[in-house]
């Protein structure tokens, strides 16, 4: 998994450097907010991984009872990918991406919190 992530980042890096347009304050705020929301989801997913008898994961990529290592690799890739893709997109599309990530993550975090899942690192 780590090799795949490094390969993807290595192949994406030149395109990101060439395609990036400057970020304004809104882009930065949305990028930070989307990253923060992903980090909270990461913590909740680690909680799920640490308590397999109490709850299970619904993300089909991670599987019902993922390991901590799988969770960490997944969210590292998602966070890096989110920021790289955001950097590569035009400012308008960047805002749409980060907005969509924020809305999706807030729904997931809220659902998890409602059933008693905490963020745990």
N, C-alpha and C. Protein backbone atom coordinates (compact mmCIF):
# COMPACT_ATOMS: atom_id res chain seq x y z
N UNK A 1 0.83 -1.19 0.00
CA UNK A 1 0.00 0.00 0.00
C UNK A 1 0.87 1.26 0.00
N UNK A 2 1.93 1.25 0.82
CA UNK A 2 2.81 2.42 0.88
C UNK A 2 3.50 2.63 -0.46
N UNK A 3 3.91 1.55 -1.11
CA UNK A 3 4.58 1.66 -2.41
C UNK A 3 3.63 2.24 -3.45
N UNK A 4 2.36 1.80 -3.40
CA UNK A 4 1.37 2.31 -4.33
C UNK A 4 1.15 3.80 -4.12
N UNK A 5 1.06 4.22 -2.86
CA UNK A 5 0.88 5.64 -2.54
C UNK A 5 2.07 6.45 -3.03
N UNK A 6 3.28 5.98 -2.77
CA UNK A 6 4.47 6.70 -3.21
C UNK A 6 4.54 6.79 -4.73
N UNK A 7 4.17 5.72 -5.41
CA UNK A 7 4.15 5.72 -6.86
C UNK A 7 3.15 6.74 -7.38
N UNK A 8 1.95 6.75 -6.80
CA UNK A 8 0.91 7.69 -7.23
C UNK A 8 1.37 9.13 -7.01
N UNK A 9 1.94 9.42 -5.84
CA UNK A 9 2.40 10.78 -5.55
C UNK A 9 3.53 11.15 -6.52
N UNK A 10 4.46 10.21 -6.75
CA UNK A 10 5.57 10.47 -7.66
C UNK A 10 5.12 10.77 -9.07
N UNK A 11 4.11 10.04 -9.54
CA UNK A 11 3.60 10.26 -10.89
C UNK A 11 2.76 11.53 -10.97
N UNK A 12 2.10 11.88 -9.88
CA UNK A 12 1.22 13.06 -9.87
C UNK A 12 1.99 14.36 -9.68
N UNK A 13 3.12 14.30 -9.02
CA UNK A 13 3.85 15.52 -8.66
C UNK A 13 4.16 16.43 -9.85
N UNK A 14 4.71 15.90 -10.95
CA UNK A 14 5.00 16.81 -12.08
C UNK A 14 3.75 17.50 -12.62
N UNK A 15 2.65 16.78 -12.72
CA UNK A 15 1.41 17.38 -13.23
C UNK A 15 0.90 18.46 -12.30
N UNK A 16 1.02 18.22 -10.99
CA UNK A 16 0.57 19.21 -10.01
C UNK A 16 1.41 20.48 -10.11
N UNK A 17 2.71 20.32 -10.24
CA UNK A 17 3.59 21.49 -10.32
C UNK A 17 3.29 22.33 -11.56
N UNK A 18 2.98 21.68 -12.66
CA UNK A 18 2.72 22.40 -13.90
C UNK A 18 1.32 23.01 -13.94
N UNK A 19 0.35 22.36 -13.34
CA UNK A 19 -1.03 22.78 -13.49
C UNK A 19 -1.52 23.72 -12.39
N UNK A 20 -0.79 23.84 -11.32
CA UNK A 20 -1.28 24.57 -10.15
C UNK A 20 -1.49 26.05 -10.45
N UNK A 21 -2.63 26.56 -10.00
CA UNK A 21 -2.91 27.99 -10.04
C UNK A 21 -2.88 28.48 -8.59
N UNK A 22 -2.57 29.74 -8.36
CA UNK A 22 -2.48 30.25 -6.99
C UNK A 22 -3.76 30.04 -6.19
N UNK A 23 -3.59 29.78 -4.90
CA UNK A 23 -4.72 29.61 -3.99
C UNK A 23 -5.04 30.96 -3.35
N UNK A 24 -6.33 31.29 -3.28
CA UNK A 24 -6.73 32.49 -2.55
C UNK A 24 -7.07 32.09 -1.11
N UNK A 25 -7.49 33.05 -0.31
CA UNK A 25 -7.79 32.77 1.11
C UNK A 25 -8.92 31.76 1.27
N UNK A 26 -9.89 31.82 0.39
CA UNK A 26 -11.01 30.88 0.44
C UNK A 26 -10.53 29.46 0.15
N UNK A 27 -9.66 29.31 -0.86
CA UNK A 27 -9.09 27.99 -1.17
C UNK A 27 -8.35 27.43 0.05
N UNK A 28 -7.54 28.27 0.68
CA UNK A 28 -6.77 27.83 1.84
C UNK A 28 -7.70 27.42 2.97
N UNK A 29 -8.72 28.24 3.25
CA UNK A 29 -9.67 27.91 4.33
C UNK A 29 -10.41 26.61 4.02
N UNK A 30 -10.86 26.44 2.79
CA UNK A 30 -11.57 25.22 2.42
C UNK A 30 -10.65 24.00 2.44
N UNK A 31 -9.41 24.18 1.99
CA UNK A 31 -8.44 23.09 2.03
C UNK A 31 -8.14 22.65 3.45
N UNK A 32 -7.95 23.62 4.34
CA UNK A 32 -7.70 23.29 5.75
C UNK A 32 -8.92 22.64 6.40
N UNK A 33 -10.10 23.15 6.10
CA UNK A 33 -11.32 22.59 6.67
C UNK A 33 -11.57 21.17 6.18
N UNK A 34 -11.36 20.94 4.88
CA UNK A 34 -11.55 19.58 4.36
C UNK A 34 -10.54 18.62 4.98
N UNK A 35 -9.31 19.08 5.16
CA UNK A 35 -8.29 18.24 5.80
C UNK A 35 -8.66 17.96 7.25
N UNK A 36 -9.12 18.96 7.97
CA UNK A 36 -9.52 18.76 9.37
C UNK A 36 -10.67 17.76 9.47
N UNK A 37 -11.64 17.87 8.57
CA UNK A 37 -12.77 16.92 8.58
C UNK A 37 -12.29 15.51 8.28
N UNK A 38 -11.36 15.36 7.34
CA UNK A 38 -10.81 14.04 7.04
C UNK A 38 -10.04 13.48 8.23
N UNK A 39 -9.35 14.33 8.97
CA UNK A 39 -8.61 13.88 10.15
C UNK A 39 -9.57 13.39 11.24
N UNK A 40 -10.69 14.06 11.43
CA UNK A 40 -11.68 13.60 12.41
C UNK A 40 -12.25 12.24 11.97
N UNK A 41 -12.58 12.10 10.69
CA UNK A 41 -13.06 10.81 10.17
C UNK A 41 -12.00 9.74 10.36
N UNK A 42 -10.75 10.08 10.14
CA UNK A 42 -9.63 9.17 10.35
C UNK A 42 -9.62 8.67 11.80
N UNK A 43 -9.75 9.60 12.74
CA UNK A 43 -9.78 9.22 14.15
C UNK A 43 -10.96 8.32 14.47
N UNK A 44 -12.11 8.61 13.91
CA UNK A 44 -13.28 7.76 14.13
C UNK A 44 -13.08 6.37 13.53
N UNK A 45 -12.45 6.32 12.37
CA UNK A 45 -12.20 5.03 11.73
C UNK A 45 -11.17 4.22 12.51
N UNK A 46 -10.20 4.89 13.10
CA UNK A 46 -9.25 4.19 13.98
C UNK A 46 -9.98 3.63 15.21
N UNK A 47 -10.95 4.38 15.73
CA UNK A 47 -11.76 3.89 16.85
C UNK A 47 -12.49 2.61 16.44
N UNK A 48 -13.07 2.62 15.26
CA UNK A 48 -13.77 1.44 14.74
C UNK A 48 -12.81 0.26 14.64
N UNK A 49 -11.60 0.52 14.13
CA UNK A 49 -10.61 -0.55 13.99
C UNK A 49 -10.18 -1.11 15.34
N UNK A 50 -10.14 -0.27 16.37
CA UNK A 50 -9.73 -0.69 17.71
C UNK A 50 -10.85 -1.39 18.48
N UNK A 51 -12.08 -1.27 18.03
CA UNK A 51 -13.25 -1.84 18.72
C UNK A 51 -14.08 -2.70 17.76
N UNK A 52 -13.49 -3.76 17.21
CA UNK A 52 -14.20 -4.56 16.20
C UNK A 52 -15.44 -5.28 16.71
N UNK A 53 -15.54 -5.50 18.02
CA UNK A 53 -16.72 -6.19 18.55
C UNK A 53 -17.89 -5.23 18.76
N UNK A 54 -17.59 -3.93 18.84
CA UNK A 54 -18.63 -2.94 19.07
C UNK A 54 -19.18 -2.33 17.79
N UNK A 55 -18.35 -2.19 16.77
CA UNK A 55 -18.79 -1.53 15.55
C UNK A 55 -18.00 -2.04 14.35
N UNK A 56 -18.51 -1.73 13.17
CA UNK A 56 -17.83 -2.15 11.95
C UNK A 56 -17.80 -0.98 10.96
N UNK A 57 -16.84 -1.04 10.08
CA UNK A 57 -16.64 0.00 9.07
C UNK A 57 -17.57 -0.24 7.89
N UNK A 58 -18.10 0.84 7.31
CA UNK A 58 -18.99 0.71 6.15
C UNK A 58 -18.30 1.06 4.84
N UNK A 59 -17.07 1.58 4.89
CA UNK A 59 -16.33 1.90 3.67
C UNK A 59 -15.90 0.58 3.02
N UNK A 60 -16.40 0.28 1.82
CA UNK A 60 -16.09 -1.01 1.20
C UNK A 60 -14.60 -1.19 0.89
N UNK A 61 -13.88 -0.11 0.67
CA UNK A 61 -12.45 -0.22 0.39
C UNK A 61 -11.69 -0.72 1.62
N UNK A 62 -12.07 -0.23 2.79
CA UNK A 62 -11.37 -0.61 4.02
C UNK A 62 -11.80 -1.98 4.54
N UNK A 63 -13.02 -2.37 4.24
CA UNK A 63 -13.53 -3.63 4.77
C UNK A 63 -14.18 -3.43 6.12
N UNK A 64 -14.89 -4.44 6.57
CA UNK A 64 -15.67 -4.35 7.81
C UNK A 64 -14.82 -4.13 9.06
N UNK A 65 -13.66 -4.79 9.13
CA UNK A 65 -12.79 -4.68 10.30
C UNK A 65 -11.35 -4.44 9.85
N UNK A 66 -11.04 -3.19 9.44
CA UNK A 66 -9.69 -2.91 8.93
C UNK A 66 -8.66 -2.83 10.07
N UNK A 67 -7.41 -3.04 9.70
CA UNK A 67 -6.32 -2.87 10.67
C UNK A 67 -6.01 -1.38 10.80
N UNK A 68 -5.35 -1.03 11.89
CA UNK A 68 -4.93 0.37 12.08
C UNK A 68 -4.02 0.79 10.93
N UNK A 69 -3.12 -0.09 10.51
CA UNK A 69 -2.21 0.23 9.42
C UNK A 69 -2.94 0.53 8.12
N UNK A 70 -3.97 -0.25 7.84
CA UNK A 70 -4.76 -0.02 6.62
C UNK A 70 -5.50 1.31 6.71
N UNK A 71 -6.05 1.60 7.88
CA UNK A 71 -6.76 2.87 8.08
C UNK A 71 -5.80 4.04 7.91
N UNK A 72 -4.62 3.95 8.52
CA UNK A 72 -3.64 5.03 8.43
C UNK A 72 -3.18 5.24 6.99
N UNK A 73 -2.91 4.16 6.28
CA UNK A 73 -2.47 4.27 4.88
C UNK A 73 -3.57 4.88 4.02
N UNK A 74 -4.81 4.44 4.23
CA UNK A 74 -5.94 4.94 3.46
C UNK A 74 -6.11 6.45 3.65
N UNK A 75 -6.16 6.90 4.90
CA UNK A 75 -6.41 8.32 5.15
C UNK A 75 -5.22 9.19 4.77
N UNK A 76 -4.02 8.67 4.90
CA UNK A 76 -2.85 9.42 4.42
C UNK A 76 -2.99 9.65 2.92
N UNK A 77 -3.34 8.61 2.19
CA UNK A 77 -3.53 8.73 0.75
C UNK A 77 -4.67 9.66 0.38
N UNK A 78 -5.77 9.57 1.11
CA UNK A 78 -6.94 10.42 0.81
C UNK A 78 -6.61 11.89 1.07
N UNK A 79 -5.95 12.17 2.17
CA UNK A 79 -5.62 13.56 2.50
C UNK A 79 -4.63 14.13 1.49
N UNK A 80 -3.58 13.38 1.19
CA UNK A 80 -2.61 13.84 0.20
C UNK A 80 -3.28 13.99 -1.16
N UNK A 81 -4.08 13.01 -1.54
CA UNK A 81 -4.78 13.07 -2.82
C UNK A 81 -5.74 14.24 -2.91
N UNK A 82 -6.45 14.52 -1.84
CA UNK A 82 -7.38 15.65 -1.80
C UNK A 82 -6.64 16.96 -2.06
N UNK A 83 -5.51 17.15 -1.38
CA UNK A 83 -4.76 18.38 -1.54
C UNK A 83 -4.08 18.47 -2.91
N UNK A 84 -3.53 17.35 -3.39
CA UNK A 84 -2.91 17.36 -4.72
C UNK A 84 -3.93 17.64 -5.82
N UNK A 85 -5.07 16.97 -5.73
CA UNK A 85 -6.11 17.20 -6.73
C UNK A 85 -6.61 18.64 -6.65
N UNK A 86 -6.82 19.14 -5.43
CA UNK A 86 -7.24 20.52 -5.27
C UNK A 86 -6.24 21.50 -5.86
N UNK A 87 -4.97 21.20 -5.71
CA UNK A 87 -3.93 22.07 -6.26
C UNK A 87 -3.92 22.03 -7.79
N UNK A 88 -4.23 20.88 -8.34
CA UNK A 88 -4.20 20.70 -9.79
C UNK A 88 -5.41 21.35 -10.48
N UNK A 89 -6.55 21.41 -9.77
CA UNK A 89 -7.78 21.95 -10.36
C UNK A 89 -7.74 23.46 -10.49
N UNK A 90 -8.62 23.98 -11.32
CA UNK A 90 -8.79 25.43 -11.41
C UNK A 90 -9.41 25.91 -10.10
N UNK A 91 -9.27 27.18 -9.76
CA UNK A 91 -9.81 27.68 -8.50
C UNK A 91 -11.31 27.38 -8.29
N UNK A 92 -12.13 27.52 -9.33
CA UNK A 92 -13.57 27.24 -9.18
C UNK A 92 -13.82 25.77 -8.85
N UNK A 93 -13.15 24.89 -9.58
CA UNK A 93 -13.33 23.46 -9.34
C UNK A 93 -12.71 23.03 -8.01
N UNK A 94 -11.63 23.68 -7.62
CA UNK A 94 -11.00 23.41 -6.33
C UNK A 94 -11.98 23.68 -5.19
N UNK A 95 -12.68 24.80 -5.29
CA UNK A 95 -13.66 25.14 -4.25
C UNK A 95 -14.79 24.11 -4.21
N UNK A 96 -15.23 23.65 -5.39
CA UNK A 96 -16.27 22.62 -5.44
C UNK A 96 -15.78 21.31 -4.81
N UNK A 97 -14.56 20.91 -5.14
CA UNK A 97 -13.99 19.68 -4.56
C UNK A 97 -13.95 19.77 -3.04
N UNK A 98 -13.32 20.83 -2.53
CA UNK A 98 -13.19 20.95 -1.09
C UNK A 98 -14.56 21.08 -0.41
N UNK A 99 -15.48 21.79 -1.03
CA UNK A 99 -16.83 21.90 -0.47
C UNK A 99 -17.52 20.55 -0.41
N UNK A 100 -17.39 19.76 -1.47
CA UNK A 100 -18.00 18.42 -1.50
C UNK A 100 -17.38 17.52 -0.44
N UNK A 101 -16.06 17.59 -0.28
CA UNK A 101 -15.40 16.79 0.75
C UNK A 101 -15.89 17.20 2.14
N UNK A 102 -15.99 18.48 2.39
CA UNK A 102 -16.44 18.97 3.69
C UNK A 102 -17.86 18.49 3.99
N UNK A 103 -18.78 18.66 3.05
CA UNK A 103 -20.17 18.24 3.26
C UNK A 103 -20.24 16.73 3.51
N UNK A 104 -19.56 15.96 2.68
CA UNK A 104 -19.58 14.50 2.82
C UNK A 104 -19.01 14.09 4.17
N UNK A 105 -17.88 14.66 4.54
CA UNK A 105 -17.25 14.29 5.81
C UNK A 105 -18.09 14.71 7.01
N UNK A 106 -18.73 15.87 6.96
CA UNK A 106 -19.58 16.28 8.08
C UNK A 106 -20.76 15.32 8.26
N UNK A 107 -21.31 14.83 7.16
CA UNK A 107 -22.39 13.84 7.25
C UNK A 107 -21.89 12.54 7.87
N UNK A 108 -20.73 12.07 7.43
CA UNK A 108 -20.15 10.83 7.96
C UNK A 108 -19.79 10.98 9.43
N UNK A 109 -19.14 12.08 9.78
CA UNK A 109 -18.74 12.33 11.17
C UNK A 109 -19.96 12.40 12.06
N UNK A 110 -21.00 13.10 11.61
CA UNK A 110 -22.24 13.22 12.40
C UNK A 110 -22.91 11.88 12.61
N UNK A 111 -22.97 11.06 11.56
CA UNK A 111 -23.57 9.73 11.67
C UNK A 111 -22.79 8.88 12.66
N UNK A 112 -21.47 8.90 12.53
CA UNK A 112 -20.64 8.13 13.44
C UNK A 112 -20.82 8.59 14.89
N UNK A 113 -20.82 9.89 15.09
CA UNK A 113 -20.98 10.44 16.44
C UNK A 113 -22.33 10.04 17.04
N UNK A 114 -23.37 10.04 16.21
CA UNK A 114 -24.71 9.69 16.68
C UNK A 114 -24.80 8.25 17.21
N UNK A 115 -23.95 7.37 16.69
CA UNK A 115 -23.96 5.98 17.17
C UNK A 115 -22.85 5.70 18.18
N UNK A 116 -22.21 6.77 18.67
CA UNK A 116 -21.25 6.62 19.74
C UNK A 116 -19.79 6.40 19.35
N UNK A 117 -19.47 6.64 18.09
CA UNK A 117 -18.09 6.46 17.64
C UNK A 117 -17.30 7.74 17.92
N UNK A 118 -16.21 7.57 18.65
CA UNK A 118 -15.35 8.70 19.01
C UNK A 118 -14.15 8.76 18.07
N UNK A 119 -13.48 9.90 18.05
CA UNK A 119 -12.22 10.02 17.31
C UNK A 119 -11.09 9.63 18.27
N UNK A 120 -10.27 8.68 17.86
CA UNK A 120 -9.23 8.16 18.75
C UNK A 120 -7.94 7.91 17.98
N UNK A 121 -6.86 8.55 18.44
CA UNK A 121 -5.56 8.35 17.79
C UNK A 121 -4.60 7.65 18.70
